[in-house]
Amino acid sequence: MWGALLAYLRNQVGLKGDTASSIGSLHAKIADTRALYLSGLSIGSCVASDTAQYNDSAEESSGVAVSSYAKERSFKVFRAGTVRVSVDAYYDGYSTDVQLYVNSAAVGAVWHTSGISYGTHTWDIPVCFGDEIALYAQCSSGPTTLYTKNYKCSFDVGTTPTSSCGKITV
């Protein structure tokens, strides 16, 4: 009797080394789900819009170094396509350059902040599933304080399957 029960459990749960399969044992299904996640499978691609999907509205301040970009804020995107990133910022002291980075690579135009009251800048950038979008800043004249708020990532989710960044989205 114990032999039959053990055989049944092995068949249902499977072994750690089972080949990934959506119709196999529990271990196989988990491996299959993991493979889909890592390949960038997500439901629908994204298209830049004004629909905020991520919004960090808290005001933050940080010291900005001279002639050296430093990360101020960041978030991860679990979609592929094009997103609209916006931020409100101002400086207290010297003017500041603000730049977006995706996975540690600069993208989009540098925004030269120009005032001691909040201004808004927006970038439309392509992203892949799991990318980190980070806001970096530097000051070319001297140390200053940068104030940021309303760091947003906006997009609509499409229903048409697309291919992006070498990964397939459905």
N, C-alpha and C. Protein backbone atom coordinates (compact mmCIF):
# COMPACT_ATOMS: atom_id res chain seq x y z
N MET A 1 0.81 -1.19 0.00
CA MET A 1 0.00 0.00 0.00
C MET A 1 0.86 1.27 0.00
N TRP A 2 1.92 1.30 0.82
CA TRP A 2 2.78 2.48 0.88
C TRP A 2 3.48 2.71 -0.45
N GLY A 3 3.81 1.64 -1.11
CA GLY A 3 4.46 1.76 -2.42
C GLY A 3 3.56 2.44 -3.43
N ALA A 4 2.29 2.10 -3.44
CA ALA A 4 1.34 2.71 -4.36
C ALA A 4 1.14 4.19 -4.03
N LEU A 5 1.07 4.52 -2.75
CA LEU A 5 0.92 5.91 -2.33
C LEU A 5 2.15 6.74 -2.71
N LEU A 6 3.33 6.19 -2.50
CA LEU A 6 4.57 6.88 -2.87
C LEU A 6 4.65 7.08 -4.38
N ALA A 7 4.26 6.08 -5.15
CA ALA A 7 4.27 6.20 -6.61
C ALA A 7 3.30 7.29 -7.06
N TYR A 8 2.13 7.37 -6.43
CA TYR A 8 1.14 8.39 -6.76
C TYR A 8 1.69 9.79 -6.48
N LEU A 9 2.31 9.98 -5.31
CA LEU A 9 2.89 11.29 -4.96
C LEU A 9 4.02 11.68 -5.90
N ARG A 10 4.88 10.75 -6.25
CA ARG A 10 5.96 11.05 -7.19
C ARG A 10 5.40 11.47 -8.55
N ASN A 11 4.33 10.84 -8.96
CA ASN A 11 3.71 11.16 -10.24
C ASN A 11 3.09 12.56 -10.21
N GLN A 12 2.42 12.92 -9.11
CA GLN A 12 1.73 14.20 -9.01
C GLN A 12 2.68 15.36 -8.72
N VAL A 13 3.56 15.18 -7.75
CA VAL A 13 4.49 16.24 -7.36
C VAL A 13 5.70 16.26 -8.27
N GLY A 14 6.20 15.10 -8.63
CA GLY A 14 7.35 15.01 -9.52
C GLY A 14 8.65 15.12 -8.76
N LEU A 15 9.71 15.08 -9.53
CA LEU A 15 11.05 15.20 -8.97
C LEU A 15 11.65 16.54 -9.36
N LYS A 16 12.61 16.99 -8.60
CA LYS A 16 13.23 18.29 -8.83
C LYS A 16 13.78 18.43 -10.24
N GLY A 17 14.26 17.34 -10.81
CA GLY A 17 14.89 17.39 -12.13
C GLY A 17 13.94 17.21 -13.29
N ASP A 18 12.61 17.19 -13.05
CA ASP A 18 11.65 17.00 -14.14
C ASP A 18 11.79 18.10 -15.18
N THR A 19 11.60 17.75 -16.45
CA THR A 19 11.65 18.70 -17.55
C THR A 19 10.44 19.64 -17.46
N ALA A 20 10.66 20.93 -17.72
CA ALA A 20 9.58 21.91 -17.65
C ALA A 20 8.46 21.55 -18.62
N SER A 21 7.22 21.58 -18.12
CA SER A 21 6.06 21.24 -18.94
C SER A 21 4.82 21.81 -18.28
N SER A 22 3.93 22.37 -19.10
CA SER A 22 2.69 22.92 -18.54
C SER A 22 1.67 21.83 -18.24
N ILE A 23 1.93 20.60 -18.66
CA ILE A 23 0.98 19.51 -18.41
C ILE A 23 1.58 18.40 -17.57
N GLY A 24 2.78 18.59 -17.06
CA GLY A 24 3.45 17.55 -16.28
C GLY A 24 3.16 17.65 -14.80
N SER A 25 4.12 17.20 -14.01
CA SER A 25 3.99 17.21 -12.55
C SER A 25 4.06 18.64 -12.01
N LEU A 26 3.85 18.77 -10.71
CA LEU A 26 3.92 20.08 -10.07
C LEU A 26 5.29 20.73 -10.27
N HIS A 27 6.37 19.98 -10.09
CA HIS A 27 7.72 20.52 -10.31
C HIS A 27 7.88 20.97 -11.76
N ALA A 28 7.35 20.19 -12.70
CA ALA A 28 7.46 20.55 -14.11
C ALA A 28 6.68 21.83 -14.41
N LYS A 29 5.49 21.96 -13.82
CA LYS A 29 4.68 23.17 -14.03
C LYS A 29 5.36 24.40 -13.45
N ILE A 30 5.94 24.27 -12.28
CA ILE A 30 6.67 25.40 -11.68
C ILE A 30 7.86 25.79 -12.55
N ALA A 31 8.59 24.82 -13.04
CA ALA A 31 9.73 25.12 -13.93
C ALA A 31 9.26 25.79 -15.20
N ASP A 32 8.11 25.35 -15.74
CA ASP A 32 7.56 25.94 -16.95
C ASP A 32 7.15 27.39 -16.69
N THR A 33 6.49 27.65 -15.56
CA THR A 33 6.07 29.01 -15.19
C THR A 33 7.28 29.92 -15.01
N ARG A 34 8.32 29.42 -14.37
CA ARG A 34 9.55 30.19 -14.17
C ARG A 34 10.18 30.54 -15.51
N ALA A 35 10.23 29.58 -16.43
CA ALA A 35 10.82 29.83 -17.75
C ALA A 35 10.03 30.90 -18.50
N LEU A 36 8.70 30.86 -18.41
CA LEU A 36 7.89 31.89 -19.06
C LEU A 36 8.15 33.26 -18.46
N TYR A 37 8.24 33.33 -17.14
CA TYR A 37 8.52 34.60 -16.47
C TYR A 37 9.86 35.17 -16.90
N LEU A 38 10.88 34.33 -16.90
CA LEU A 38 12.21 34.80 -17.26
C LEU A 38 12.34 35.16 -18.73
N SER A 39 11.50 34.61 -19.57
CA SER A 39 11.57 34.93 -21.00
C SER A 39 10.85 36.23 -21.31
N GLY A 40 10.19 36.82 -20.32
CA GLY A 40 9.54 38.11 -20.53
C GLY A 40 8.10 38.00 -20.96
N LEU A 41 7.47 36.87 -20.75
CA LEU A 41 6.08 36.72 -21.13
C LEU A 41 5.20 37.55 -20.21
N SER A 42 4.44 38.43 -20.77
CA SER A 42 3.48 39.21 -19.99
C SER A 42 2.25 39.41 -20.85
N ILE A 43 1.15 39.68 -20.22
CA ILE A 43 -0.10 39.82 -20.95
C ILE A 43 -0.18 41.25 -21.49
N GLY A 44 -0.11 41.39 -22.78
CA GLY A 44 -0.24 42.68 -23.43
C GLY A 44 1.02 43.54 -23.36
N SER A 45 1.29 44.23 -24.43
CA SER A 45 2.41 45.16 -24.44
C SER A 45 1.92 46.49 -23.90
N CYS A 46 2.85 47.41 -23.63
CA CYS A 46 2.42 48.70 -23.11
C CYS A 46 2.70 49.79 -24.13
N VAL A 47 1.85 50.81 -24.09
CA VAL A 47 1.93 51.95 -24.99
C VAL A 47 1.90 53.20 -24.13
N ALA A 48 2.85 54.11 -24.35
CA ALA A 48 2.92 55.34 -23.55
C ALA A 48 1.60 56.10 -23.59
N SER A 49 1.16 56.56 -22.42
CA SER A 49 -0.08 57.33 -22.31
C SER A 49 0.02 58.19 -21.06
N ASP A 50 -1.09 58.81 -20.68
CA ASP A 50 -1.12 59.60 -19.45
C ASP A 50 -1.76 58.84 -18.30
N THR A 51 -1.98 57.52 -18.47
CA THR A 51 -2.55 56.69 -17.42
C THR A 51 -1.44 56.22 -16.49
N ALA A 52 -1.33 56.82 -15.32
CA ALA A 52 -0.24 56.49 -14.38
C ALA A 52 -0.44 55.08 -13.83
N GLN A 53 0.55 54.22 -14.05
CA GLN A 53 0.52 52.85 -13.52
C GLN A 53 1.36 52.76 -12.24
N TYR A 54 2.44 53.53 -12.17
CA TYR A 54 3.29 53.63 -10.99
C TYR A 54 3.40 55.10 -10.66
N ASN A 55 3.23 55.45 -9.38
CA ASN A 55 3.31 56.86 -9.01
C ASN A 55 3.89 56.98 -7.61
N ASP A 56 5.06 57.58 -7.53
CA ASP A 56 5.67 57.87 -6.23
C ASP A 56 5.51 59.37 -6.03
N SER A 57 4.46 59.77 -5.31
CA SER A 57 4.14 61.19 -5.18
C SER A 57 4.85 61.88 -4.02
N ALA A 58 5.55 61.12 -3.20
CA ALA A 58 6.23 61.71 -2.04
C ALA A 58 7.35 62.64 -2.49
N GLU A 59 7.48 63.76 -1.79
CA GLU A 59 8.58 64.67 -2.08
C GLU A 59 9.85 64.13 -1.42
N GLU A 60 10.92 64.12 -2.17
CA GLU A 60 12.22 63.70 -1.65
C GLU A 60 13.25 64.76 -1.99
N SER A 61 14.21 64.92 -1.10
CA SER A 61 15.31 65.84 -1.38
C SER A 61 16.61 65.09 -1.19
N SER A 62 17.59 65.47 -1.98
CA SER A 62 18.90 64.82 -1.86
C SER A 62 19.99 65.77 -2.34
N GLY A 63 21.14 65.59 -1.78
CA GLY A 63 22.29 66.37 -2.21
C GLY A 63 22.78 65.87 -3.55
N VAL A 64 23.12 66.79 -4.43
CA VAL A 64 23.58 66.43 -5.77
C VAL A 64 25.05 66.81 -5.90
N ALA A 65 25.85 65.86 -6.32
CA ALA A 65 27.30 66.07 -6.44
C ALA A 65 27.63 66.86 -7.71
N VAL A 66 28.85 67.39 -7.73
CA VAL A 66 29.34 68.15 -8.88
C VAL A 66 29.87 67.18 -9.93
N SER A 67 29.39 67.33 -11.17
CA SER A 67 29.88 66.61 -12.35
C SER A 67 29.89 65.09 -12.20
N SER A 68 28.96 64.53 -11.46
CA SER A 68 28.89 63.08 -11.30
C SER A 68 27.42 62.69 -11.11
N TYR A 69 26.88 61.96 -12.09
CA TYR A 69 25.48 61.54 -11.97
C TYR A 69 25.32 60.54 -10.83
N ALA A 70 24.26 60.72 -10.03
CA ALA A 70 23.95 59.82 -8.92
C ALA A 70 22.47 59.46 -8.99
N LYS A 71 22.15 58.22 -8.63
CA LYS A 71 20.76 57.75 -8.68
C LYS A 71 19.94 58.43 -7.58
N GLU A 72 18.79 58.95 -7.98
CA GLU A 72 17.88 59.62 -7.05
C GLU A 72 16.68 58.74 -6.70
N ARG A 73 16.04 58.15 -7.72
CA ARG A 73 14.84 57.33 -7.53
C ARG A 73 14.82 56.27 -8.63
N SER A 74 14.10 55.17 -8.37
CA SER A 74 13.99 54.13 -9.40
C SER A 74 12.79 53.23 -9.14
N PHE A 75 12.39 52.51 -10.18
CA PHE A 75 11.37 51.46 -10.07
C PHE A 75 11.57 50.48 -11.22
N LYS A 76 10.97 49.29 -11.09
CA LYS A 76 11.03 48.27 -12.14
C LYS A 76 9.72 48.22 -12.88
N VAL A 77 9.80 47.92 -14.18
CA VAL A 77 8.62 47.80 -15.02
C VAL A 77 8.50 46.35 -15.46
N PHE A 78 7.32 45.78 -15.27
CA PHE A 78 7.10 44.39 -15.65
C PHE A 78 6.19 44.29 -16.86
N ARG A 79 6.51 45.08 -17.86
CA ARG A 79 5.86 45.08 -19.17
C ARG A 79 6.92 45.39 -20.21
N ALA A 80 6.61 45.13 -21.46
CA ALA A 80 7.49 45.51 -22.56
C ALA A 80 6.72 46.45 -23.46
N GLY A 81 7.41 47.40 -24.05
CA GLY A 81 6.79 48.37 -24.95
C GLY A 81 7.36 49.75 -24.71
N THR A 82 6.50 50.76 -24.76
CA THR A 82 6.92 52.15 -24.55
C THR A 82 6.18 52.71 -23.34
N VAL A 83 6.90 53.38 -22.46
CA VAL A 83 6.29 53.99 -21.28
C VAL A 83 6.61 55.48 -21.26
N ARG A 84 5.77 56.23 -20.56
CA ARG A 84 6.00 57.66 -20.36
C ARG A 84 6.41 57.86 -18.90
N VAL A 85 7.59 58.40 -18.70
CA VAL A 85 8.11 58.66 -17.36
C VAL A 85 8.12 60.17 -17.16
N SER A 86 7.60 60.61 -16.01
CA SER A 86 7.61 62.05 -15.73
C SER A 86 8.00 62.27 -14.27
N VAL A 87 8.53 63.44 -14.00
CA VAL A 87 8.92 63.80 -12.65
C VAL A 87 8.82 65.32 -12.50
N ASP A 88 8.46 65.75 -11.32
CA ASP A 88 8.49 67.17 -10.96
C ASP A 88 9.77 67.38 -10.16
N ALA A 89 10.51 68.44 -10.48
CA ALA A 89 11.77 68.68 -9.77
C ALA A 89 12.10 70.17 -9.73
N TYR A 90 12.87 70.53 -8.72
CA TYR A 90 13.51 71.84 -8.67
C TYR A 90 14.75 71.74 -7.81
N TYR A 91 15.61 72.74 -7.88
CA TYR A 91 16.86 72.73 -7.13
C TYR A 91 16.91 73.91 -6.17
N ASP A 92 17.73 73.76 -5.15
CA ASP A 92 17.93 74.82 -4.18
C ASP A 92 19.43 75.14 -4.22
N GLY A 93 19.79 76.06 -5.04
CA GLY A 93 21.21 76.38 -5.20
C GLY A 93 21.54 76.47 -6.67
N TYR A 94 22.42 75.59 -7.14
CA TYR A 94 22.85 75.60 -8.54
C TYR A 94 21.90 74.75 -9.40
N SER A 95 21.78 75.11 -10.68
CA SER A 95 20.93 74.34 -11.58
C SER A 95 21.45 72.92 -11.72
N THR A 96 20.55 72.00 -12.05
CA THR A 96 20.86 70.58 -12.02
C THR A 96 20.44 69.92 -13.33
N ASP A 97 21.23 68.94 -13.78
CA ASP A 97 20.88 68.13 -14.95
C ASP A 97 20.25 66.82 -14.46
N VAL A 98 19.11 66.47 -15.04
CA VAL A 98 18.40 65.25 -14.67
C VAL A 98 18.36 64.34 -15.90
N GLN A 99 18.68 63.07 -15.71
CA GLN A 99 18.77 62.10 -16.81
C GLN A 99 18.11 60.79 -16.39
N LEU A 100 17.39 60.15 -17.32
CA LEU A 100 16.83 58.82 -17.07
C LEU A 100 17.83 57.76 -17.49
N TYR A 101 17.85 56.67 -16.74
CA TYR A 101 18.68 55.51 -17.07
C TYR A 101 17.78 54.28 -17.06
N VAL A 102 17.98 53.38 -18.02
CA VAL A 102 17.31 52.09 -18.03
C VAL A 102 18.41 51.04 -17.89
N ASN A 103 18.36 50.28 -16.81
CA ASN A 103 19.37 49.26 -16.52
C ASN A 103 20.78 49.83 -16.62
N SER A 104 21.01 50.97 -16.00
CA SER A 104 22.31 51.65 -15.91
C SER A 104 22.80 52.26 -17.21
N ALA A 105 21.94 52.39 -18.22
CA ALA A 105 22.32 53.03 -19.48
C ALA A 105 21.46 54.28 -19.67
N ALA A 106 22.09 55.41 -19.97
CA ALA A 106 21.37 56.67 -20.16
C ALA A 106 20.44 56.59 -21.37
N VAL A 107 19.21 57.09 -21.21
CA VAL A 107 18.24 57.14 -22.30
C VAL A 107 17.56 58.50 -22.29
N GLY A 108 17.05 58.91 -23.43
CA GLY A 108 16.32 60.16 -23.51
C GLY A 108 17.23 61.37 -23.35
N ALA A 109 16.62 62.53 -23.46
CA ALA A 109 17.35 63.80 -23.39
C ALA A 109 17.61 64.19 -21.93
N VAL A 110 18.72 64.88 -21.71
CA VAL A 110 19.04 65.43 -20.39
C VAL A 110 18.12 66.62 -20.15
N TRP A 111 17.53 66.69 -18.97
CA TRP A 111 16.68 67.82 -18.60
C TRP A 111 17.48 68.74 -17.70
N HIS A 112 17.66 69.97 -18.13
CA HIS A 112 18.38 70.98 -17.36
C HIS A 112 17.34 71.75 -16.55
N THR A 113 17.24 71.47 -15.24
CA THR A 113 16.25 72.15 -14.41
C THR A 113 16.57 73.63 -14.36
N SER A 114 15.54 74.44 -14.38
CA SER A 114 15.77 75.87 -14.51
C SER A 114 14.86 76.67 -13.59
N GLY A 115 15.02 76.52 -12.31
CA GLY A 115 14.23 77.35 -11.41
C GLY A 115 14.16 76.79 -10.02
N ILE A 116 13.69 77.63 -9.12
CA ILE A 116 13.56 77.21 -7.73
C ILE A 116 12.10 76.93 -7.38
N SER A 117 11.29 76.66 -8.41
CA SER A 117 9.93 76.16 -8.20
C SER A 117 9.78 74.92 -9.09
N TYR A 118 8.83 74.07 -8.72
CA TYR A 118 8.69 72.80 -9.43
C TYR A 118 8.40 72.99 -10.91
N GLY A 119 9.08 72.21 -11.72
CA GLY A 119 8.82 72.08 -13.14
C GLY A 119 8.66 70.60 -13.44
N THR A 120 8.01 70.27 -14.54
CA THR A 120 7.78 68.87 -14.90
C THR A 120 8.46 68.54 -16.21
N HIS A 121 9.07 67.37 -16.26
CA HIS A 121 9.66 66.89 -17.52
C HIS A 121 9.16 65.48 -17.78
N THR A 122 8.99 65.16 -19.06
CA THR A 122 8.45 63.86 -19.46
C THR A 122 9.32 63.24 -20.54
N TRP A 123 9.53 61.94 -20.44
CA TRP A 123 10.25 61.16 -21.44
C TRP A 123 9.37 59.99 -21.88
N ASP A 124 9.34 59.66 -23.18
CA ASP A 124 8.74 58.43 -23.69
C ASP A 124 9.90 57.52 -24.07
N ILE A 125 9.99 56.35 -23.43
CA ILE A 125 11.14 55.48 -23.64
C ILE A 125 10.69 54.03 -23.84
N PRO A 126 11.46 53.27 -24.64
CA PRO A 126 11.16 51.83 -24.79
C PRO A 126 11.73 51.06 -23.61
N VAL A 127 10.98 50.05 -23.17
CA VAL A 127 11.43 49.21 -22.06
C VAL A 127 11.15 47.74 -22.37
N CYS A 128 11.85 46.88 -21.65
CA CYS A 128 11.64 45.44 -21.70
C CYS A 128 11.12 44.99 -20.34
N PHE A 129 10.57 43.80 -20.32
CA PHE A 129 10.06 43.21 -19.09
C PHE A 129 11.18 43.15 -18.04
N GLY A 130 10.94 43.69 -16.85
CA GLY A 130 11.91 43.63 -15.76
C GLY A 130 12.94 44.74 -15.74
N ASP A 131 12.86 45.71 -16.67
CA ASP A 131 13.83 46.80 -16.69
C ASP A 131 13.68 47.70 -15.46
N GLU A 132 14.82 48.23 -15.00
CA GLU A 132 14.81 49.23 -13.94
C GLU A 132 14.93 50.60 -14.59
N ILE A 133 14.00 51.48 -14.28
CA ILE A 133 14.04 52.87 -14.76
C ILE A 133 14.46 53.73 -13.58
N ALA A 134 15.57 54.42 -13.73
CA ALA A 134 16.12 55.21 -12.63
C ALA A 134 16.31 56.66 -13.05
N LEU A 135 16.12 57.54 -12.09
CA LEU A 135 16.31 58.98 -12.27
C LEU A 135 17.65 59.35 -11.66
N TYR A 136 18.54 59.93 -12.47
CA TYR A 136 19.86 60.35 -12.01
C TYR A 136 19.97 61.86 -12.12
N ALA A 137 20.82 62.47 -11.29
CA ALA A 137 21.02 63.92 -11.34
C ALA A 137 22.48 64.27 -11.08
N GLN A 138 22.89 65.40 -11.64
CA GLN A 138 24.22 65.95 -11.38
C GLN A 138 24.14 67.46 -11.46
N CYS A 139 25.12 68.11 -10.86
CA CYS A 139 25.21 69.57 -10.90
C CYS A 139 26.57 69.94 -11.46
N SER A 140 26.60 70.85 -12.43
CA SER A 140 27.88 71.20 -13.05
C SER A 140 28.58 72.38 -12.38
N SER A 141 27.85 73.13 -11.55
CA SER A 141 28.43 74.34 -10.96
C SER A 141 28.91 74.17 -9.53
N GLY A 142 28.20 73.42 -8.73
CA GLY A 142 28.55 73.24 -7.33
C GLY A 142 27.52 72.36 -6.66
N PRO A 143 27.79 71.94 -5.45
CA PRO A 143 26.82 71.08 -4.76
C PRO A 143 25.49 71.81 -4.56
N THR A 144 24.41 71.07 -4.67
CA THR A 144 23.08 71.64 -4.52
C THR A 144 22.13 70.58 -3.97
N THR A 145 20.92 70.97 -3.68
CA THR A 145 19.89 70.03 -3.24
C THR A 145 18.83 69.96 -4.31
N LEU A 146 18.48 68.73 -4.70
CA LEU A 146 17.44 68.51 -5.69
C LEU A 146 16.20 68.00 -4.98
N TYR A 147 15.05 68.59 -5.29
CA TYR A 147 13.77 68.16 -4.74
C TYR A 147 12.98 67.51 -5.87
N THR A 148 12.45 66.31 -5.63
CA THR A 148 11.65 65.62 -6.63
C THR A 148 10.35 65.11 -6.01
N LYS A 149 9.32 65.01 -6.85
CA LYS A 149 8.05 64.41 -6.44
C LYS A 149 7.31 63.98 -7.70
N ASN A 150 6.24 63.23 -7.51
CA ASN A 150 5.41 62.76 -8.63
C ASN A 150 6.23 62.04 -9.70
N TYR A 151 7.05 61.10 -9.26
CA TYR A 151 7.83 60.27 -10.17
C TYR A 151 6.89 59.21 -10.71
N LYS A 152 6.49 59.30 -11.99
CA LYS A 152 5.43 58.46 -12.55
C LYS A 152 5.90 57.67 -13.76
N CYS A 153 5.29 56.51 -13.92
CA CYS A 153 5.44 55.71 -15.13
C CYS A 153 4.03 55.49 -15.65
N SER A 154 3.74 55.98 -16.85
CA SER A 154 2.38 55.94 -17.39
C SER A 154 2.34 55.16 -18.69
N PHE A 155 1.32 54.31 -18.81
CA PHE A 155 1.11 53.55 -20.05
C PHE A 155 -0.25 52.89 -20.03
N ASP A 156 -0.72 52.52 -21.22
CA ASP A 156 -1.91 51.69 -21.37
C ASP A 156 -1.44 50.31 -21.79
N VAL A 157 -2.20 49.29 -21.40
CA VAL A 157 -1.86 47.92 -21.76
C VAL A 157 -2.64 47.53 -23.00
N GLY A 158 -1.90 47.10 -24.03
CA GLY A 158 -2.54 46.65 -25.26
C GLY A 158 -2.93 45.18 -25.17
N THR A 159 -3.66 44.72 -26.15
CA THR A 159 -4.06 43.31 -26.19
C THR A 159 -3.44 42.58 -27.36
N THR A 160 -2.75 43.29 -28.23
CA THR A 160 -2.14 42.67 -29.39
C THR A 160 -0.76 42.13 -29.03
N PRO A 161 -0.48 40.86 -29.32
CA PRO A 161 0.84 40.32 -29.04
C PRO A 161 1.90 41.05 -29.86
N THR A 162 3.02 41.37 -29.23
CA THR A 162 4.11 42.04 -29.93
C THR A 162 5.42 41.41 -29.51
N SER A 163 6.45 41.71 -30.28
CA SER A 163 7.79 41.26 -29.93
C SER A 163 8.60 42.49 -29.55
N SER A 164 9.28 42.45 -28.42
CA SER A 164 10.04 43.60 -27.95
C SER A 164 11.29 43.13 -27.26
N CYS A 165 12.41 43.73 -27.58
CA CYS A 165 13.69 43.43 -26.92
C CYS A 165 14.08 41.97 -27.08
N GLY A 166 13.68 41.34 -28.14
CA GLY A 166 14.01 39.95 -28.34
C GLY A 166 13.18 39.00 -27.50
N LYS A 167 12.18 39.53 -26.82
CA LYS A 167 11.31 38.71 -25.97
C LYS A 167 9.90 38.81 -26.52
N ILE A 168 9.12 37.80 -26.32
CA ILE A 168 7.75 37.81 -26.83
C ILE A 168 6.79 38.18 -25.72
N THR A 169 5.89 39.12 -26.03
CA THR A 169 4.83 39.47 -25.09
C THR A 169 3.51 39.08 -25.71
N VAL A 170 2.61 38.58 -24.93
CA VAL A 170 1.31 38.14 -25.43
C VAL A 170 0.22 38.93 -24.76
